């Protein structure tokens, strides 16, 4: 396995851990326990940083084609919506129903789009 493949695999593992820790946080109920919530955020931060490094290194080795850029952009947009709605969900005030629904749907879209982007980067 190349270093890029190891990094992509590690990123994928972190994405799964984000998903699992998100369930862990939501099961704890509001107000979210600081330990659970901060572990979830730190895993997400590590995944974002590692994916950014991988994408940068892959782009330096060989410029990304339009399909790869599309995969990266879709994954970034899905991740941003997930992060924003998650941040809003952590507020003690009640959320509009649409934000709650978006935060229940977009983690799945983030996992799928990140997997798709990683597949395109390895191809």
PDB file of N, CA and C in Angstrom:
ATOM      1  N   UNK A   1       0.827  -1.176   0.000  1.00  0.00           N
ATOM      2  CA  UNK A   1       0.000   0.000   0.000  1.00  0.00           C
ATOM      3  C   UNK A   1       0.876   1.245   0.000  1.00  0.00           C
ATOM      4  N   UNK A   2       0.482   2.218  -0.796  1.00  0.00           N
ATOM      5  CA  UNK A   2       1.231   3.468  -0.831  1.00  0.00           C
ATOM      6  C   UNK A   2       0.837   4.347   0.357  1.00  0.00           C
ATOM      7  N   UNK A   3       1.616   5.382   0.577  1.00  0.00           N
ATOM      8  CA  UNK A   3       1.334   6.307   1.679  1.00  0.00           C
ATOM      9  C   UNK A   3      -0.011   6.992   1.472  1.00  0.00           C
ATOM     10  N   UNK A   4      -0.342   7.330   0.240  1.00  0.00           N
ATOM     11  CA  UNK A   4      -1.625   7.965  -0.056  1.00  0.00           C
ATOM     12  C   UNK A   4      -2.777   7.026   0.268  1.00  0.00           C
ATOM     13  N   UNK A   5      -2.636   5.762  -0.086  1.00  0.00           N
ATOM     14  CA  UNK A   5      -3.690   4.799   0.209  1.00  0.00           C
ATOM     15  C   UNK A   5      -3.872   4.624   1.712  1.00  0.00           C
ATOM     16  N   UNK A   6      -2.780   4.601   2.451  1.00  0.00           N
ATOM     17  CA  UNK A   6      -2.859   4.479   3.913  1.00  0.00           C
ATOM     18  C   UNK A   6      -3.559   5.698   4.489  1.00  0.00           C
ATOM     19  N   UNK A   7      -3.214   6.883   3.997  1.00  0.00           N
ATOM     20  CA  UNK A   7      -3.851   8.107   4.484  1.00  0.00           C
ATOM     21  C   UNK A   7      -5.342   8.126   4.145  1.00  0.00           C
ATOM     22  N   UNK A   8      -5.684   7.693   2.938  1.00  0.00           N
ATOM     23  CA  UNK A   8      -7.095   7.647   2.562  1.00  0.00           C
ATOM     24  C   UNK A   8      -7.856   6.637   3.406  1.00  0.00           C
ATOM     25  N   UNK A   9      -7.248   5.486   3.668  1.00  0.00           N
ATOM     26  CA  UNK A   9      -7.878   4.486   4.520  1.00  0.00           C
ATOM     27  C   UNK A   9      -8.069   5.049   5.931  1.00  0.00           C
ATOM     28  N   UNK A  10      -7.057   5.729   6.443  1.00  0.00           N
ATOM     29  CA  UNK A  10      -7.150   6.342   7.778  1.00  0.00           C
ATOM     30  C   UNK A  10      -8.248   7.403   7.803  1.00  0.00           C
ATOM     31  N   UNK A  11      -8.347   8.180   6.739  1.00  0.00           N
ATOM     32  CA  UNK A  11      -9.402   9.190   6.640  1.00  0.00           C
ATOM     33  C   UNK A  11     -10.776   8.531   6.641  1.00  0.00           C
ATOM     34  N   UNK A  12     -10.902   7.465   5.898  1.00  0.00           N
ATOM     35  CA  UNK A  12     -12.164   6.730   5.860  1.00  0.00           C
ATOM     36  C   UNK A  12     -12.532   6.187   7.231  1.00  0.00           C
ATOM     37  N   UNK A  13     -11.546   5.681   7.937  1.00  0.00           N
ATOM     38  CA  UNK A  13     -11.771   5.175   9.286  1.00  0.00           C
ATOM     39  C   UNK A  13     -12.213   6.315  10.215  1.00  0.00           C
ATOM     40  N   UNK A  14     -11.596   7.472  10.075  1.00  0.00           N
ATOM     41  CA  UNK A  14     -11.995   8.625  10.888  1.00  0.00           C
ATOM     42  C   UNK A  14     -13.424   9.063  10.568  1.00  0.00           C
ATOM     43  N   UNK A  15     -13.810   9.003   9.301  1.00  0.00           N
ATOM     44  CA  UNK A  15     -15.179   9.364   8.920  1.00  0.00           C
ATOM     45  C   UNK A  15     -16.174   8.415   9.598  1.00  0.00           C
ATOM     46  N   UNK A  16     -15.852   7.134   9.614  1.00  0.00           N
ATOM     47  CA  UNK A  16     -16.710   6.163  10.298  1.00  0.00           C
ATOM     48  C   UNK A  16     -16.757   6.470  11.797  1.00  0.00           C
ATOM     49  N   UNK A  17     -15.613   6.818  12.379  1.00  0.00           N
ATOM     50  CA  UNK A  17     -15.578   7.161  13.804  1.00  0.00           C
ATOM     51  C   UNK A  17     -16.391   8.428  14.108  1.00  0.00           C
ATOM     52  N   UNK A  18     -16.400   9.377  13.189  1.00  0.00           N
ATOM     53  CA  UNK A  18     -17.231  10.568  13.359  1.00  0.00           C
ATOM     54  C   UNK A  18     -18.691  10.147  13.440  1.00  0.00           C
ATOM     55  N   UNK A  19     -19.076   9.278  12.532  1.00  0.00           N
ATOM     56  CA  UNK A  19     -20.445   8.800  12.468  1.00  0.00           C
ATOM     57  C   UNK A  19     -20.829   8.088  13.762  1.00  0.00           C
ATOM     58  N   UNK A  20     -19.980   7.186  14.228  1.00  0.00           N
ATOM     59  CA  UNK A  20     -20.244   6.423  15.452  1.00  0.00           C
ATOM     60  C   UNK A  20     -20.273   7.353  16.668  1.00  0.00           C
ATOM     61  N   UNK A  21     -19.319   8.269  16.748  1.00  0.00           N
ATOM     62  CA  UNK A  21     -19.299   9.181  17.897  1.00  0.00           C
ATOM     63  C   UNK A  21     -20.493  10.139  17.863  1.00  0.00           C
ATOM     64  N   UNK A  22     -21.003  10.434  16.677  1.00  0.00           N
ATOM     65  CA  UNK A  22     -22.214  11.255  16.566  1.00  0.00           C
ATOM     66  C   UNK A  22     -23.414  10.545  17.182  1.00  0.00           C
ATOM     67  N   UNK A  23     -23.514   9.240  16.946  1.00  0.00           N
ATOM     68  CA  UNK A  23     -24.574   8.466  17.593  1.00  0.00           C
ATOM     69  C   UNK A  23     -24.377   8.458  19.104  1.00  0.00           C
ATOM     70  N   UNK A  24     -23.132   8.337  19.524  1.00  0.00           N
ATOM     71  CA  UNK A  24     -22.796   8.341  20.945  1.00  0.00           C
ATOM     72  C   UNK A  24     -23.242   9.658  21.587  1.00  0.00           C
ATOM     73  N   UNK A  25     -22.981  10.772  20.914  1.00  0.00           N
ATOM     74  CA  UNK A  25     -23.373  12.080  21.426  1.00  0.00           C
ATOM     75  C   UNK A  25     -24.893  12.196  21.477  1.00  0.00           C
ATOM     76  N   UNK A  26     -25.560  11.797  20.402  1.00  0.00           N
ATOM     77  CA  UNK A  26     -27.015  11.966  20.354  1.00  0.00           C
ATOM     78  C   UNK A  26     -27.726  11.081  21.376  1.00  0.00           C
ATOM     79  N   UNK A  27     -27.189   9.908  21.663  1.00  0.00           N
ATOM     80  CA  UNK A  27     -27.785   9.007  22.658  1.00  0.00           C
ATOM     81  C   UNK A  27     -27.654   9.566  24.078  1.00  0.00           C
ATOM     82  N   UNK A  28     -26.661  10.416  24.291  1.00  0.00           N
ATOM     83  CA  UNK A  28     -26.449  10.985  25.620  1.00  0.00           C
ATOM     84  C   UNK A  28     -27.513  12.035  25.942  1.00  0.00           C
ATOM     85  N   UNK A  29     -28.138  12.612  24.915  1.00  0.00           N
ATOM     86  CA  UNK A  29     -29.193  13.593  25.123  1.00  0.00           C
ATOM     87  C   UNK A  29     -28.668  14.987  25.422  1.00  0.00           C
ATOM     88  N   UNK A  30     -29.574  15.949  25.258  1.00  0.00           N
ATOM     89  CA  UNK A  30     -29.234  17.347  25.509  1.00  0.00           C
ATOM     90  C   UNK A  30     -29.383  17.645  26.987  1.00  0.00           C
ATOM     91  N   UNK A  31     -28.600  18.481  27.570  1.00  0.00           N
ATOM     92  CA  UNK A  31     -27.396  19.083  27.011  1.00  0.00           C
ATOM     93  C   UNK A  31     -26.316  18.016  26.844  1.00  0.00           C
ATOM     94  N   UNK A  32     -25.597  18.113  25.749  1.00  0.00           N
ATOM     95  CA  UNK A  32     -24.613  17.086  25.428  1.00  0.00           C
ATOM     96  C   UNK A  32     -23.457  17.098  26.428  1.00  0.00           C
ATOM     97  N   UNK A  33     -23.056  15.922  26.905  1.00  0.00           N
ATOM     98  CA  UNK A  33     -21.899  15.871  27.809  1.00  0.00           C
ATOM     99  C   UNK A  33     -20.647  16.386  27.102  1.00  0.00           C
ATOM    100  N   UNK A  34     -19.875  17.175  27.821  1.00  0.00           N
ATOM    101  CA  UNK A  34     -18.702  17.818  27.220  1.00  0.00           C
ATOM    102  C   UNK A  34     -17.718  16.800  26.652  1.00  0.00           C
ATOM    103  N   UNK A  35     -17.475  15.715  27.358  1.00  0.00           N
ATOM    104  CA  UNK A  35     -16.517  14.712  26.879  1.00  0.00           C
ATOM    105  C   UNK A  35     -16.973  14.127  25.549  1.00  0.00           C
ATOM    106  N   UNK A  36     -18.208  13.671  25.492  1.00  0.00           N
ATOM    107  CA  UNK A  36     -18.727  13.064  24.256  1.00  0.00           C
ATOM    108  C   UNK A  36     -18.661  14.052  23.099  1.00  0.00           C
ATOM    109  N   UNK A  37     -19.134  15.257  23.345  1.00  0.00           N
ATOM    110  CA  UNK A  37     -19.216  16.259  22.286  1.00  0.00           C
ATOM    111  C   UNK A  37     -17.829  16.672  21.800  1.00  0.00           C
ATOM    112  N   UNK A  38     -16.895  16.857  22.726  1.00  0.00           N
ATOM    113  CA  UNK A  38     -15.548  17.271  22.330  1.00  0.00           C
ATOM    114  C   UNK A  38     -14.782  16.155  21.627  1.00  0.00           C
ATOM    115  N   UNK A  39     -14.970  14.908  22.045  1.00  0.00           N
ATOM    116  CA  UNK A  39     -14.348  13.788  21.327  1.00  0.00           C
ATOM    117  C   UNK A  39     -14.864  13.755  19.897  1.00  0.00           C
ATOM    118  N   UNK A  40     -16.173  13.920  19.737  1.00  0.00           N
ATOM    119  CA  UNK A  40     -16.793  13.931  18.404  1.00  0.00           C
ATOM    120  C   UNK A  40     -16.194  15.046  17.533  1.00  0.00           C
ATOM    121  N   UNK A  41     -16.054  16.240  18.105  1.00  0.00           N
ATOM    122  CA  UNK A  41     -15.507  17.373  17.346  1.00  0.00           C
ATOM    123  C   UNK A  41     -14.030  17.174  17.013  1.00  0.00           C
ATOM    124  N   UNK A  42     -13.260  16.611  17.939  1.00  0.00           N
ATOM    125  CA  UNK A  42     -11.830  16.397  17.679  1.00  0.00           C
ATOM    126  C   UNK A  42     -11.604  15.337  16.608  1.00  0.00           C
ATOM    127  N   UNK A  43     -12.419  14.293  16.608  1.00  0.00           N
ATOM    128  CA  UNK A  43     -12.314  13.285  15.546  1.00  0.00           C
ATOM    129  C   UNK A  43     -12.634  13.929  14.203  1.00  0.00           C
ATOM    130  N   UNK A  44     -13.674  14.757  14.170  1.00  0.00           N
ATOM    131  CA  UNK A  44     -14.046  15.449  12.932  1.00  0.00           C
ATOM    132  C   UNK A  44     -12.923  16.368  12.461  1.00  0.00           C
ATOM    133  N   UNK A  45     -12.310  17.088  13.376  1.00  0.00           N
ATOM    134  CA  UNK A  45     -11.196  17.966  13.024  1.00  0.00           C
ATOM    135  C   UNK A  45     -10.026  17.170  12.456  1.00  0.00           C
ATOM    136  N   UNK A  46      -9.693  16.053  13.098  1.00  0.00           N
ATOM    137  CA  UNK A  46      -8.603  15.205  12.604  1.00  0.00           C
ATOM    138  C   UNK A  46      -8.907  14.693  11.199  1.00  0.00           C
ATOM    139  N   UNK A  47     -10.144  14.289  10.963  1.00  0.00           N
ATOM    140  CA  UNK A  47     -10.518  13.784   9.641  1.00  0.00           C
ATOM    141  C   UNK A  47     -10.414  14.870   8.582  1.00  0.00           C
ATOM    142  N   UNK A  48     -10.873  16.069   8.900  1.00  0.00           N
ATOM    143  CA  UNK A  48     -10.822  17.175   7.943  1.00  0.00           C
ATOM    144  C   UNK A  48      -9.367  17.516   7.605  1.00  0.00           C
ATOM    145  N   UNK A  49      -8.525  17.589   8.619  1.00  0.00           N
ATOM    146  CA  UNK A  49      -7.115  17.916   8.394  1.00  0.00           C
ATOM    147  C   UNK A  49      -6.443  16.826   7.553  1.00  0.00           C
ATOM    148  N   UNK A  50      -6.657  15.565   7.907  1.00  0.00           N
ATOM    149  CA  UNK A  50      -6.034  14.471   7.161  1.00  0.00           C
ATOM    150  C   UNK A  50      -6.531  14.418   5.722  1.00  0.00           C
ATOM    151  N   UNK A  51      -7.830  14.599   5.518  1.00  0.00           N
ATOM    152  CA  UNK A  51      -8.356  14.610   4.146  1.00  0.00           C
ATOM    153  C   UNK A  51      -7.794  15.786   3.357  1.00  0.00           C
ATOM    154  N   UNK A  52      -7.652  16.936   3.993  1.00  0.00           N
ATOM    155  CA  UNK A  52      -7.051  18.088   3.312  1.00  0.00           C
ATOM    156  C   UNK A  52      -5.621  17.814   2.889  1.00  0.00           C
ATOM    157  N   UNK A  53      -4.856  17.169   3.758  1.00  0.00           N
ATOM    158  CA  UNK A  53      -3.472  16.817   3.429  1.00  0.00           C
ATOM    159  C   UNK A  53      -3.436  15.834   2.264  1.00  0.00           C
ATOM    160  N   UNK A  54      -4.301  14.831   2.313  1.00  0.00           N
ATOM    161  CA  UNK A  54      -4.334  13.821   1.248  1.00  0.00           C
ATOM    162  C   UNK A  54      -4.689  14.461  -0.084  1.00  0.00           C
ATOM    163  N   UNK A  55      -5.722  15.288  -0.086  1.00  0.00           N
ATOM    164  CA  UNK A  55      -6.140  15.926  -1.336  1.00  0.00           C
ATOM    165  C   UNK A  55      -5.031  16.821  -1.873  1.00  0.00           C
ATOM    166  N   UNK A  56      -4.365  17.549  -0.996  1.00  0.00           N
ATOM    167  CA  UNK A  56      -3.263  18.410  -1.416  1.00  0.00           C
ATOM    168  C   UNK A  56      -2.121  17.599  -2.021  1.00  0.00           C
ATOM    169  N   UNK A  57      -1.749  16.494  -1.372  1.00  0.00           N
ATOM    170  CA  UNK A  57      -0.642  15.671  -1.879  1.00  0.00           C
ATOM    171  C   UNK A  57      -1.003  14.995  -3.203  1.00  0.00           C
ATOM    172  N   UNK A  58      -2.240  14.508  -3.313  1.00  0.00           N
ATOM    173  CA  UNK A  58      -2.667  13.880  -4.564  1.00  0.00           C
ATOM    174  C   UNK A  58      -2.657  14.908  -5.685  1.00  0.00           C
ATOM    175  N   UNK A  59      -3.129  16.125  -5.398  1.00  0.00           N
ATOM    176  CA  UNK A  59      -3.158  17.183  -6.413  1.00  0.00           C
ATOM    177  C   UNK A  59      -1.755  17.603  -6.826  1.00  0.00           C
ATOM    178  N   UNK A  60      -0.797  17.591  -5.898  1.00  0.00           N
ATOM    179  CA  UNK A  60       0.586  17.940  -6.244  1.00  0.00           C
ATOM    180  C   UNK A  60       1.238  16.855  -7.082  1.00  0.00           C
ATOM    181  N   UNK A  61       0.915  15.595  -6.789  1.00  0.00           N
ATOM    182  CA  UNK A  61       1.504  14.484  -7.541  1.00  0.00           C
ATOM    183  C   UNK A  61       0.999  14.479  -8.981  1.00  0.00           C
ATOM    184  N   UNK A  62      -0.283  14.668  -9.152  1.00  0.00           N
ATOM    185  CA  UNK A  62      -0.895  14.743 -10.477  1.00  0.00           C
ATOM    186  C   UNK A  62      -2.153  15.583 -10.322  1.00  0.00           C
ATOM    187  N   UNK A  63      -2.258  16.674 -11.064  1.00  0.00           N
ATOM    188  CA  UNK A  63      -3.425  17.539 -10.904  1.00  0.00           C
ATOM    189  C   UNK A  63      -4.738  16.758 -11.016  1.00  0.00           C
ATOM    190  N   UNK A  64      -5.670  17.108 -10.133  1.00  0.00           N
ATOM    191  CA  UNK A  64      -6.956  16.427 -10.125  1.00  0.00           C
ATOM    192  C   UNK A  64      -7.729  16.757 -11.395  1.00  0.00           C
ATOM    193  N   UNK A  65      -8.443  15.760 -11.912  1.00  0.00           N
ATOM    194  CA  UNK A  65      -9.286  16.014 -13.077  1.00  0.00           C
ATOM    195  C   UNK A  65     -10.643  16.545 -12.600  1.00  0.00           C
ATOM    196  N   UNK A  66     -11.514  16.871 -13.535  1.00  0.00           N
ATOM    197  CA  UNK A  66     -12.788  17.501 -13.176  1.00  0.00           C
ATOM    198  C   UNK A  66     -13.678  16.588 -12.341  1.00  0.00           C
ATOM    199  N   UNK A  67     -13.668  15.286 -12.612  1.00  0.00           N
ATOM    200  CA  UNK A  67     -14.475  14.351 -11.817  1.00  0.00           C
ATOM    201  C   UNK A  67     -13.970  14.287 -10.375  1.00  0.00           C
ATOM    202  N   UNK A  68     -12.660  14.280 -10.208  1.00  0.00           N
ATOM    203  CA  UNK A  68     -12.098  14.245  -8.864  1.00  0.00           C
ATOM    204  C   UNK A  68     -12.432  15.524  -8.103  1.00  0.00           C
ATOM    205  N   UNK A  69     -12.310  16.669  -8.779  1.00  0.00           N
ATOM    206  CA  UNK A  69     -12.661  17.932  -8.129  1.00  0.00           C
ATOM    207  C   UNK A  69     -14.143  17.953  -7.754  1.00  0.00           C
ATOM    208  N   UNK A  70     -14.988  17.434  -8.626  1.00  0.00           N
ATOM    209  CA  UNK A  70     -16.421  17.377  -8.337  1.00  0.00           C
ATOM    210  C   UNK A  70     -16.667  16.539  -7.080  1.00  0.00           C
ATOM    211  N   UNK A  71     -16.007  15.391  -6.986  1.00  0.00           N
ATOM    212  CA  UNK A  71     -16.145  14.541  -5.800  1.00  0.00           C
ATOM    213  C   UNK A  71     -15.697  15.258  -4.543  1.00  0.00           C
ATOM    214  N   UNK A  72     -14.575  15.963  -4.622  1.00  0.00           N
ATOM    215  CA  UNK A  72     -14.051  16.704  -3.466  1.00  0.00           C
ATOM    216  C   UNK A  72     -15.015  17.816  -3.065  1.00  0.00           C
ATOM    217  N   UNK A  73     -15.508  18.562  -4.035  1.00  0.00           N
ATOM    218  CA  UNK A  73     -16.411  19.683  -3.745  1.00  0.00           C
ATOM    219  C   UNK A  73     -17.718  19.181  -3.128  1.00  0.00           C
ATOM    220  N   UNK A  74     -18.287  18.112  -3.682  1.00  0.00           N
ATOM    221  CA  UNK A  74     -19.524  17.559  -3.126  1.00  0.00           C
ATOM    222  C   UNK A  74     -19.291  17.086  -1.691  1.00  0.00           C
ATOM    223  N   UNK A  75     -18.164  16.422  -1.447  1.00  0.00           N
ATOM    224  CA  UNK A  75     -17.845  15.948  -0.095  1.00  0.00           C
ATOM    225  C   UNK A  75     -17.671  17.128   0.863  1.00  0.00           C
ATOM    226  N   UNK A  76     -17.013  18.184   0.422  1.00  0.00           N
ATOM    227  CA  UNK A  76     -16.800  19.360   1.276  1.00  0.00           C
ATOM    228  C   UNK A  76     -18.132  20.042   1.592  1.00  0.00           C
ATOM    229  N   UNK A  77     -18.987  20.199   0.596  1.00  0.00           N
ATOM    230  CA  UNK A  77     -20.291  20.842   0.828  1.00  0.00           C
ATOM    231  C   UNK A  77     -21.127  20.016   1.802  1.00  0.00           C
ATOM    232  N   UNK A  78     -21.164  18.704   1.598  1.00  0.00           N
ATOM    233  CA  UNK A  78     -21.919  17.841   2.519  1.00  0.00           C
ATOM    234  C   UNK A  78     -21.350  17.913   3.932  1.00  0.00           C
ATOM    235  N   UNK A  79     -20.037  17.917   4.045  1.00  0.00           N
ATOM    236  CA  UNK A  79     -19.411  18.007   5.362  1.00  0.00           C
ATOM    237  C   UNK A  79     -19.707  19.354   6.022  1.00  0.00           C
ATOM    238  N   UNK A  80     -19.663  20.423   5.252  1.00  0.00           N
ATOM    239  CA  UNK A  80     -19.942  21.746   5.813  1.00  0.00           C
ATOM    240  C   UNK A  80     -21.383  21.853   6.313  1.00  0.00           C
ATOM    241  N   UNK A  81     -22.334  21.331   5.541  1.00  0.00           N
ATOM    242  CA  UNK A  81     -23.734  21.356   5.983  1.00  0.00           C
ATOM    243  C   UNK A  81     -23.883  20.527   7.253  1.00  0.00           C
ATOM    244  N   UNK A  82     -23.213  19.378   7.312  1.00  0.00           N
ATOM    245  CA  UNK A  82     -23.273  18.539   8.504  1.00  0.00           C
ATOM    246  C   UNK A  82     -22.690  19.264   9.706  1.00  0.00           C
ATOM    247  N   UNK A  83     -21.546  19.905   9.528  1.00  0.00           N
ATOM    248  CA  UNK A  83     -20.895  20.620  10.630  1.00  0.00           C
ATOM    249  C   UNK A  83     -21.744  21.805  11.092  1.00  0.00           C
ATOM    250  N   UNK A  84     -22.268  22.573  10.160  1.00  0.00           N
ATOM    251  CA  UNK A  84     -23.084  23.737  10.522  1.00  0.00           C
ATOM    252  C   UNK A  84     -24.362  23.333  11.245  1.00  0.00           C
ATOM    253  N   UNK A  85     -25.053  22.331  10.721  1.00  0.00           N
ATOM    254  CA  UNK A  85     -26.293  21.904  11.382  1.00  0.00           C
ATOM    255  C   UNK A  85     -25.991  21.244  12.729  1.00  0.00           C
ATOM    256  N   UNK A  86     -24.854  20.557  12.830  1.00  0.00           N
ATOM    257  CA  UNK A  86     -24.453  19.973  14.114  1.00  0.00           C
ATOM    258  C   UNK A  86     -24.147  21.042  15.140  1.00  0.00           C
ATOM    259  N   UNK A  87     -23.484  22.096  14.713  1.00  0.00           N
ATOM    260  CA  UNK A  87     -23.206  23.206  15.619  1.00  0.00           C
ATOM    261  C   UNK A  87     -24.491  23.864  16.093  1.00  0.00           C
ATOM    262  N   UNK A  88     -25.426  24.042  15.181  1.00  0.00           N
ATOM    263  CA  UNK A  88     -26.713  24.627  15.565  1.00  0.00           C
ATOM    264  C   UNK A  88     -27.505  23.686  16.473  1.00  0.00           C
ATOM    265  N   UNK A  89     -27.349  22.377  16.251  1.00  0.00           N
ATOM    266  CA  UNK A  89     -28.055  21.399  17.089  1.00  0.00           C
ATOM    267  C   UNK A  89     -27.531  21.399  18.519  1.00  0.00           C
ATOM    268  N   UNK A  90     -26.310  21.852  18.713  1.00  0.00           N
ATOM    269  CA  UNK A  90     -25.732  21.845  20.056  1.00  0.00           C
ATOM    270  C   UNK A  90     -26.209  23.009  20.911  1.00  0.00           C
ATOM    271  N   UNK A  91     -26.881  23.962  20.302  1.00  0.00           N
ATOM    272  CA  UNK A  91     -27.415  25.111  21.042  1.00  0.00           C
ATOM    273  C   UNK A  91     -28.615  24.642  21.868  1.00  0.00           C
ATOM    274  N   UNK A  92     -28.786  25.221  23.035  1.00  0.00           N
ATOM    275  CA  UNK A  92     -29.869  24.808  23.929  1.00  0.00           C
ATOM    276  C   UNK A  92     -31.261  25.216  23.462  1.00  0.00           C
ATOM    277  N   UNK A  93     -31.353  26.117  22.522  1.00  0.00           N
ATOM    278  CA  UNK A  93     -32.666  26.540  22.030  1.00  0.00           C
ATOM    279  C   UNK A  93     -33.223  25.509  21.069  1.00  0.00           C
ATOM    280  N   UNK A  94     -34.551  25.442  20.936  1.00  0.00           N
ATOM    281  CA  UNK A  94     -35.150  24.509  19.983  1.00  0.00           C
ATOM    282  C   UNK A  94     -34.788  24.890  18.543  1.00  0.00           C
ATOM    283  N   UNK A  95     -34.574  23.870  17.725  1.00  0.00           N
ATOM    284  CA  UNK A  95     -34.217  24.083  16.319  1.00  0.00           C
ATOM    285  C   UNK A  95     -35.453  24.048  15.436  1.00  0.00           C
ATOM    286  N   UNK A  96     -35.418  24.791  14.323  1.00  0.00           N
ATOM    287  CA  UNK A  96     -36.471  24.579  13.331  1.00  0.00           C
ATOM    288  C   UNK A  96     -36.387  23.131  12.836  1.00  0.00           C
ATOM    289  N   UNK A  97     -37.504  22.567  12.491  1.00  0.00           N
ATOM    290  CA  UNK A  97     -37.567  21.158  12.089  1.00  0.00           C
ATOM    291  C   UNK A  97     -36.642  20.862  10.908  1.00  0.00           C
ATOM    292  N   UNK A  98     -36.503  21.808   9.991  1.00  0.00           N
ATOM    293  CA  UNK A  98     -35.676  21.562   8.810  1.00  0.00           C
ATOM    294  C   UNK A  98     -34.216  21.354   9.187  1.00  0.00           C
ATOM    295  N   UNK A  99     -33.712  22.112  10.166  1.00  0.00           N
ATOM    296  CA  UNK A  99     -32.310  21.955  10.568  1.00  0.00           C
ATOM    297  C   UNK A  99     -32.079  20.600  11.229  1.00  0.00           C
ATOM    298  N   UNK A 100     -33.027  20.192  12.035  1.00  0.00           N
ATOM    299  CA  UNK A 100     -32.924  18.884  12.669  1.00  0.00           C
ATOM    300  C   UNK A 100     -32.932  17.773  11.619  1.00  0.00           C
ATOM    301  N   UNK A 101     -33.796  17.906  10.639  1.00  0.00           N
ATOM    302  CA  UNK A 101     -33.879  16.914   9.561  1.00  0.00           C
ATOM    303  C   UNK A 101     -32.594  16.907   8.737  1.00  0.00           C
ATOM    304  N   UNK A 102     -32.086  18.096   8.413  1.00  0.00           N
ATOM    305  CA  UNK A 102     -30.839  18.177   7.646  1.00  0.00           C
ATOM    306  C   UNK A 102     -29.701  17.494   8.391  1.00  0.00           C
ATOM    307  N   UNK A 103     -29.646  17.671   9.724  1.00  0.00           N
ATOM    308  CA  UNK A 103     -28.552  17.044  10.469  1.00  0.00           C
ATOM    309  C   UNK A 103     -28.736  15.540  10.619  1.00  0.00           C
ATOM    310  N   UNK A 104     -29.912  15.060  10.391  1.00  0.00           N
ATOM    311  CA  UNK A 104     -30.134  13.606  10.401  1.00  0.00           C
ATOM    312  C   UNK A 104     -29.817  12.986   9.042  1.00  0.00           C
ATOM    313  N   UNK A 105     -29.928  13.767   7.969  1.00  0.00           N
ATOM    314  CA  UNK A 105     -29.714  13.259   6.606  1.00  0.00           C
ATOM    315  C   UNK A 105     -28.271  13.466   6.138  1.00  0.00           C
ATOM    316  N   UNK A 106     -27.710  14.637   6.394  1.00  0.00           N
ATOM    317  CA  UNK A 106     -26.412  14.976   5.820  1.00  0.00           C
ATOM    318  C   UNK A 106     -25.226  14.161   6.323  1.00  0.00           C
ATOM    319  N   UNK A 107     -25.236  13.619   7.531  1.00  0.00           N
ATOM    320  CA  UNK A 107     -24.115  12.736   7.876  1.00  0.00           C
ATOM    321  C   UNK A 107     -24.016  11.531   6.924  1.00  0.00           C
ATOM    322  N   UNK A 108     -25.160  10.984   6.539  1.00  0.00           N
ATOM    323  CA  UNK A 108     -25.146   9.869   5.589  1.00  0.00           C
ATOM    324  C   UNK A 108     -24.623  10.330   4.231  1.00  0.00           C
ATOM    325  N   UNK A 109     -25.078  11.501   3.797  1.00  0.00           N
ATOM    326  CA  UNK A 109     -24.593  12.045   2.522  1.00  0.00           C
ATOM    327  C   UNK A 109     -23.105  12.361   2.592  1.00  0.00           C
ATOM    328  N   UNK A 110     -22.648  12.807   3.750  1.00  0.00           N
ATOM    329  CA  UNK A 110     -21.218  13.097   3.922  1.00  0.00           C
ATOM    330  C   UNK A 110     -20.385  11.832   3.810  1.00  0.00           C
ATOM    331  N   UNK A 111     -20.845  10.764   4.435  1.00  0.00           N
ATOM    332  CA  UNK A 111     -20.117   9.494   4.354  1.00  0.00           C
ATOM    333  C   UNK A 111     -20.084   8.991   2.918  1.00  0.00           C
ATOM    334  N   UNK A 112     -21.232   9.027   2.245  1.00  0.00           N
ATOM    335  CA  UNK A 112     -21.285   8.561   0.853  1.00  0.00           C
ATOM    336  C   UNK A 112     -20.424   9.419  -0.069  1.00  0.00           C
ATOM    337  N   UNK A 113     -20.526  10.734   0.076  1.00  0.00           N
ATOM    338  CA  UNK A 113     -19.764  11.613  -0.820  1.00  0.00           C
ATOM    339  C   UNK A 113     -18.265  11.540  -0.534  1.00  0.00           C
ATOM    340  N   UNK A 114     -17.889  11.363   0.730  1.00  0.00           N
ATOM    341  CA  UNK A 114     -16.466  11.223   1.058  1.00  0.00           C
ATOM    342  C   UNK A 114     -15.929   9.912   0.506  1.00  0.00           C
ATOM    343  N   UNK A 115     -16.706   8.853   0.634  1.00  0.00           N
ATOM    344  CA  UNK A 115     -16.297   7.567   0.043  1.00  0.00           C
ATOM    345  C   UNK A 115     -16.150   7.665  -1.460  1.00  0.00           C
ATOM    346  N   UNK A 116     -17.084   8.357  -2.098  1.00  0.00           N
ATOM    347  CA  UNK A 116     -17.023   8.541  -3.548  1.00  0.00           C
ATOM    348  C   UNK A 116     -15.781   9.348  -3.927  1.00  0.00           C
ATOM    349  N   UNK A 117     -15.511  10.424  -3.194  1.00  0.00           N
ATOM    350  CA  UNK A 117     -14.334  11.248  -3.474  1.00  0.00           C
ATOM    351  C   UNK A 117     -13.049  10.446  -3.277  1.00  0.00           C
ATOM    352  N   UNK A 118     -12.982   9.653  -2.214  1.00  0.00           N
ATOM    353  CA  UNK A 118     -11.772   8.835  -1.968  1.00  0.00           C
ATOM    354  C   UNK A 118     -11.594   7.804  -3.084  1.00  0.00           C
ATOM    355  N   UNK A 119     -12.696   7.215  -3.539  1.00  0.00           N
ATOM    356  CA  UNK A 119     -12.614   6.269  -4.657  1.00  0.00           C
ATOM    357  C   UNK A 119     -12.056   6.962  -5.901  1.00  0.00           C
ATOM    358  N   UNK A 120     -12.568   8.154  -6.189  1.00  0.00           N
ATOM    359  CA  UNK A 120     -12.077   8.889  -7.359  1.00  0.00           C
ATOM    360  C   UNK A 120     -10.606   9.270  -7.227  1.00  0.00           C
ATOM    361  N   UNK A 121     -10.176   9.596  -6.013  1.00  0.00           N
ATOM    362  CA  UNK A 121      -8.769   9.966  -5.800  1.00  0.00           C
ATOM    363  C   UNK A 121      -7.844   8.758  -5.950  1.00  0.00           C
ATOM    364  N   UNK A 122      -8.314   7.583  -5.601  1.00  0.00           N
ATOM    365  CA  UNK A 122      -7.487   6.379  -5.732  1.00  0.00           C
ATOM    366  C   UNK A 122      -7.473   5.832  -7.149  1.00  0.00           C
ATOM    367  N   UNK A 123      -8.483   6.139  -7.921  1.00  0.00           N
ATOM    368  CA  UNK A 123      -8.639   5.589  -9.271  1.00  0.00           C
ATOM    369  C   UNK A 123      -7.561   6.056 -10.206  1.00  0.00           C
TER     370      UNK A 123
END
